Amino acid sequence: MPAVRDVVRDVVAKVAPQELPLVDGLAAYDDDTVIRRLGRAGPRREPLGFGWGEVVGLLTPVVWLVLDQVAQRLTGAAVDEATDRGRGLLRRLVRARRAPATIPPLTADQLPEVRQEVCDLLVRRGVAAPTATEIADAVLRRLDPDPDAPRPAP
């Protein structure tokens, strides 16, 4: 199963290679930290080395957040907010890191659904439709490098 961070890096390398330093910088953090930092809006201290205003025009945060949402939905890992907060506290107490989010093998029926979901979420987050389609296609190519390979049963 590919890690979300690996898919993000591969997709960004294809559609926005100028953002690879951002992806590489985020790689130093665990997934929870990346999602928390990229998911915040508005002014804040300088957690990524630059202000949020510079991030808004970038595709990396949008792609990472969208793929994390897709991975969470596909793995059924959406957890009740209270439980999530409790886990966060426990993680801080024991300084444990969860394994990187992964995207499970997709069935033939799931591939077009994931492509459409990525495209729709990108458009809702303000990415132009043609760019969203290009990114969704790059995600699909990364998740399905061999379209003729046998797929897991639904």
Protein backbone atom coordinates (compact mmCIF):
# COMPACT_ATOMS: atom_id res chain seq x y z
CA MET A 1 0.00 0.00 0.00
CA PRO A 2 1.47 3.34 -0.96
CA ALA A 3 1.87 5.93 1.76
CA VAL A 4 -0.06 9.16 1.22
CA ARG A 5 3.19 11.14 1.52
CA ASP A 6 4.79 9.07 -1.27
CA VAL A 7 1.81 9.56 -3.58
CA VAL A 8 1.84 13.30 -2.81
CA ARG A 9 5.54 13.52 -3.64
CA ASP A 10 5.14 11.64 -6.93
CA VAL A 11 2.10 13.69 -8.00
CA VAL A 12 3.73 17.00 -7.06
CA ALA A 13 6.89 15.98 -8.94
CA LYS A 14 4.75 15.57 -12.07
CA VAL A 15 2.36 18.54 -11.83
CA ALA A 16 4.23 21.12 -9.71
CA PRO A 17 7.92 20.17 -9.39
CA GLN A 18 8.76 23.63 -8.04
CA GLU A 19 6.96 22.57 -4.83
CA LEU A 20 9.19 19.56 -4.12
CA PRO A 21 11.18 21.50 -1.48
CA LEU A 22 7.90 21.98 0.45
CA VAL A 23 7.06 18.27 0.20
CA ASP A 24 10.58 17.34 1.27
CA GLY A 25 10.38 19.78 4.19
CA LEU A 26 7.06 18.30 5.33
CA ALA A 27 8.54 14.80 5.16
CA ALA A 28 10.39 15.52 8.40
CA TYR A 29 7.05 15.58 10.27
CA ASP A 30 4.65 12.77 11.08
CA ASP A 31 1.34 12.67 9.19
CA ASP A 32 -0.69 14.08 12.09
CA THR A 33 1.55 17.14 12.28
CA VAL A 34 1.50 17.68 8.52
CA ILE A 35 -2.30 17.48 8.35
CA ARG A 36 -2.70 19.75 11.37
CA ARG A 37 -0.34 22.36 9.94
CA LEU A 38 -1.68 22.25 6.41
CA GLY A 39 -5.28 22.18 7.58
CA ARG A 40 -5.11 25.41 9.54
CA ALA A 41 -6.11 28.64 7.88
CA GLY A 42 -5.39 32.20 8.78
CA PRO A 43 -2.36 33.92 10.25
CA ARG A 44 -0.16 32.05 12.66
CA ARG A 45 3.41 31.70 13.70
CA GLU A 46 5.83 30.42 11.11
CA PRO A 47 5.52 26.59 11.43
CA LEU A 48 6.53 25.79 7.85
CA GLY A 49 9.21 28.44 7.49
CA PHE A 50 6.93 30.90 5.70
CA GLY A 51 3.52 32.46 6.15
CA TRP A 52 0.17 30.89 5.23
CA GLY A 53 -0.25 33.49 2.49
CA GLU A 54 2.53 31.84 0.52
CA VAL A 55 0.98 28.39 0.94
CA VAL A 56 -2.46 29.33 -0.39
CA GLY A 57 -1.29 29.35 -4.01
CA LEU A 58 0.50 26.03 -3.70
CA LEU A 59 -0.93 22.67 -4.73
CA THR A 60 0.98 20.55 -2.21
CA PRO A 61 -1.26 21.36 0.79
CA VAL A 62 -4.42 20.73 -1.21
CA VAL A 63 -3.18 17.45 -2.69
CA TRP A 64 -1.90 16.22 0.69
CA LEU A 65 -5.13 17.07 2.51
CA VAL A 66 -7.31 15.56 -0.23
CA LEU A 67 -5.31 12.33 -0.39
CA ASP A 68 -5.36 12.05 3.39
CA GLN A 69 -9.16 12.39 3.32
CA VAL A 70 -9.39 9.70 0.62
CA ALA A 71 -7.08 7.38 2.59
CA GLN A 72 -9.07 7.90 5.78
CA ARG A 73 -12.34 7.18 3.98
CA LEU A 74 -11.02 4.09 2.20
CA THR A 75 -9.48 2.57 5.29
CA GLY A 76 -12.49 3.38 7.42
CA ALA A 77 -10.21 5.20 9.86
CA ALA A 78 -12.52 8.12 10.48
CA VAL A 79 -12.67 8.24 14.26
CA ASP A 80 -15.00 10.11 16.59
CA GLU A 81 -13.53 13.54 17.44
CA ALA A 82 -13.46 12.87 21.17
CA THR A 83 -11.62 9.59 20.65
CA ASP A 84 -9.24 11.34 18.27
CA ARG A 85 -8.46 13.99 20.90
CA GLY A 86 -7.87 11.28 23.47
CA ARG A 87 -5.49 9.50 21.15
CA GLY A 88 -3.73 12.78 20.45
CA LEU A 89 -3.20 13.33 24.16
CA LEU A 90 -2.00 9.78 24.65
CA ARG A 91 0.37 10.12 21.67
CA ARG A 92 1.82 13.30 23.15
CA LEU A 93 2.26 11.59 26.49
CA VAL A 94 4.11 8.60 25.11
CA ARG A 95 5.60 10.44 22.13
CA ALA A 96 4.47 7.66 19.81
CA ARG A 97 4.03 8.25 16.12
CA ARG A 98 1.34 6.50 14.17
CA ALA A 99 2.29 4.75 10.98
CA PRO A 100 2.07 6.92 7.87
CA ALA A 101 -1.39 7.00 6.29
CA THR A 102 -1.63 4.57 3.39
CA ILE A 103 -4.01 4.05 0.53
CA PRO A 104 -5.12 0.42 0.28
CA PRO A 105 -5.14 -1.47 -3.03
CA LEU A 106 -8.09 -0.27 -5.06
CA THR A 107 -10.65 -2.30 -6.96
CA ALA A 108 -11.60 -1.52 -10.56
CA ASP A 109 -14.78 0.15 -9.25
CA GLN A 110 -12.92 2.28 -6.70
CA LEU A 111 -10.36 3.75 -9.11
CA PRO A 112 -12.77 6.03 -11.02
CA GLU A 113 -14.54 6.90 -7.77
CA VAL A 114 -11.27 7.99 -6.15
CA ARG A 115 -10.30 9.96 -9.27
CA GLN A 116 -13.65 11.78 -9.21
CA GLU A 117 -13.45 12.38 -5.45
CA VAL A 118 -9.95 13.86 -5.76
CA CYS A 119 -11.08 16.07 -8.64
CA ASP A 120 -14.21 17.24 -6.79
CA LEU A 121 -12.36 17.97 -3.56
CA LEU A 122 -9.67 19.92 -5.40
CA VAL A 123 -12.30 22.04 -7.16
CA ARG A 124 -14.08 22.66 -3.83
CA ARG A 125 -10.74 23.81 -2.39
CA GLY A 126 -10.37 26.39 -5.14
CA VAL A 127 -8.24 24.59 -7.73
CA ALA A 128 -9.29 25.33 -11.34
CA ALA A 129 -11.18 22.43 -12.97
CA PRO A 130 -8.57 21.71 -15.68
CA THR A 131 -5.79 21.68 -13.08
CA ALA A 132 -7.89 19.52 -10.74
CA THR A 133 -8.45 17.04 -13.58
CA GLU A 134 -4.72 16.94 -14.35
CA ILE A 135 -3.89 16.31 -10.69
CA ALA A 136 -6.62 13.67 -10.33
CA ASP A 137 -5.28 11.90 -13.43
CA ALA A 138 -1.74 11.99 -11.98
CA VAL A 139 -3.05 10.54 -8.69
CA LEU A 140 -4.86 7.78 -10.58
CA ARG A 141 -1.73 6.96 -12.61
CA ARG A 142 0.27 6.77 -9.37
CA LEU A 143 -2.29 4.56 -7.64
CA ASP A 144 -2.79 2.37 -10.70
CA PRO A 145 0.56 2.19 -12.53
CA ASP A 146 -0.50 -1.03 -14.30
CA PRO A 147 -4.14 -0.71 -15.39
CA ASP A 148 -4.09 -4.28 -16.76
CA ALA A 149 -3.00 -5.89 -13.47
CA PRO A 150 -5.48 -8.06 -11.53
CA ARG A 151 -7.41 -6.17 -8.84
CA PRO A 152 -8.55 -7.19 -5.38
CA ALA A 153 -12.17 -8.28 -5.18
CA PRO A 154 -14.61 -5.63 -3.82
